[in-house]
């Protein structure tokens, strides 16, 4: 198992939090709130851009860096949230896609 798979990344995040004694703060409520804040920070980057400008956001090095940092923050909090609640995020996504395929069949 490498640190680049979901479980490896969750382990690294848990070790990071444990080393700083942050576990008491990593409750489902707090992690959900932090996830929302980080997602909002990602939205903020695009807030006043036109659709065309938003499609080119990764062309500017500063904007690209901001986007990738916020994506990382969102994913980190989502993975920690899933770890705390025992949710397998890939299994949850696969099940959701299957439900959506049934609910919204292709024409």
Protein backbone atom coordinates (compact mmCIF):
# COMPACT_ATOMS: atom_id res chain seq x y z
CA UNK A 1 0.00 0.00 0.00
CA UNK A 2 1.38 3.40 -0.95
CA UNK A 3 0.59 6.83 0.42
CA UNK A 4 -1.03 7.61 -2.94
CA UNK A 5 -4.07 5.39 -2.36
CA UNK A 6 -7.07 6.42 -0.30
CA UNK A 7 -6.18 4.36 2.78
CA UNK A 8 -2.57 5.55 2.67
CA UNK A 9 -3.61 9.18 2.46
CA UNK A 10 -6.11 8.71 5.30
CA UNK A 11 -3.36 7.14 7.40
CA UNK A 12 -1.02 10.07 6.73
CA UNK A 13 -3.74 12.55 7.64
CA UNK A 14 -4.52 10.65 10.85
CA UNK A 15 -0.83 10.51 11.77
CA UNK A 16 -0.47 14.23 11.08
CA UNK A 17 -3.44 15.02 13.35
CA UNK A 18 -2.29 12.60 16.06
CA UNK A 19 1.20 14.11 16.16
CA UNK A 20 -0.40 17.47 16.91
CA UNK A 21 -3.02 16.05 19.30
CA UNK A 22 -5.86 17.28 17.09
CA UNK A 23 -8.00 14.12 17.28
CA UNK A 24 -10.44 15.56 19.86
CA UNK A 25 -11.33 18.27 17.35
CA UNK A 26 -11.83 15.89 14.43
CA UNK A 27 -15.47 15.12 15.13
CA UNK A 28 -17.91 14.51 12.27
CA UNK A 29 -19.51 17.92 12.93
CA UNK A 30 -16.21 19.80 12.92
CA UNK A 31 -14.89 17.97 9.87
CA UNK A 32 -18.12 18.60 7.94
CA UNK A 33 -17.90 22.30 8.82
CA UNK A 34 -14.24 22.45 7.79
CA UNK A 35 -15.09 20.70 4.52
CA UNK A 36 -17.78 23.28 3.83
CA UNK A 37 -15.38 26.15 4.55
CA UNK A 38 -12.72 24.75 2.24
CA UNK A 39 -15.26 24.11 -0.53
CA UNK A 40 -16.37 27.73 -0.13
CA UNK A 41 -12.76 28.87 -0.49
CA UNK A 42 -12.62 26.95 -3.77
CA UNK A 43 -15.84 28.62 -4.92
CA UNK A 44 -14.42 32.01 -3.97
CA UNK A 45 -11.68 31.65 -6.60
CA UNK A 46 -14.34 31.43 -9.31
CA UNK A 47 -16.90 33.78 -7.77
CA UNK A 48 -16.69 36.70 -10.18
CA UNK A 49 -15.20 34.98 -13.22
CA UNK A 50 -17.10 34.61 -16.46
CA UNK A 51 -17.63 31.04 -17.67
CA UNK A 52 -14.82 31.60 -20.17
CA UNK A 53 -12.43 32.92 -17.52
CA UNK A 54 -13.24 30.02 -15.21
CA UNK A 55 -12.38 27.54 -17.98
CA UNK A 56 -8.92 29.14 -18.24
CA UNK A 57 -8.19 29.41 -14.50
CA UNK A 58 -5.42 26.80 -14.62
CA UNK A 59 -3.50 28.78 -17.26
CA UNK A 60 -2.37 31.33 -14.65
CA UNK A 61 0.24 29.90 -12.27
CA UNK A 62 -1.05 31.77 -9.21
CA UNK A 63 -4.66 30.80 -9.84
CA UNK A 64 -3.68 27.21 -10.59
CA UNK A 65 -1.77 27.03 -7.31
CA UNK A 66 -4.75 28.41 -5.37
CA UNK A 67 -7.13 25.93 -7.03
CA UNK A 68 -4.90 22.92 -6.38
CA UNK A 69 -4.38 23.96 -2.75
CA UNK A 70 -8.12 24.28 -2.17
CA UNK A 71 -8.82 20.98 -3.94
CA UNK A 72 -6.27 19.36 -1.61
CA UNK A 73 -7.92 20.94 1.44
CA UNK A 74 -11.39 19.77 0.37
CA UNK A 75 -10.14 16.24 -0.29
CA UNK A 76 -8.20 16.10 2.97
CA UNK A 77 -11.23 17.04 5.05
CA UNK A 78 -13.48 14.68 3.08
CA UNK A 79 -11.06 11.78 3.62
CA UNK A 80 -10.79 12.57 7.33
CA UNK A 81 -14.59 12.80 7.59
CA UNK A 82 -14.96 9.42 5.90
CA UNK A 83 -12.30 7.87 8.13
CA UNK A 84 -13.99 9.09 11.33
CA UNK A 85 -17.39 7.75 10.23
CA UNK A 86 -16.12 4.55 8.61
CA UNK A 87 -17.35 5.48 5.14
CA UNK A 88 -15.49 4.01 2.16
CA UNK A 89 -15.54 7.02 -0.21
CA UNK A 90 -14.92 4.99 -3.37
CA UNK A 91 -17.62 2.48 -2.51
CA UNK A 92 -20.01 5.33 -1.64
CA UNK A 93 -19.32 7.00 -4.99
CA UNK A 94 -19.75 3.79 -6.96
CA UNK A 95 -23.09 3.12 -5.26
CA UNK A 96 -24.23 6.69 -5.93
CA UNK A 97 -23.31 6.44 -9.62
CA UNK A 98 -25.31 3.21 -9.89
CA UNK A 99 -28.35 4.83 -8.25
CA UNK A 100 -28.06 7.83 -10.56
CA UNK A 101 -27.81 5.60 -13.62
CA UNK A 102 -31.09 3.98 -12.58
CA UNK A 103 -32.77 7.28 -11.71
CA UNK A 104 -31.60 9.10 -14.84
CA UNK A 105 -31.32 6.59 -17.69
CA UNK A 106 -29.60 7.75 -20.85
CA UNK A 107 -32.00 8.49 -23.69
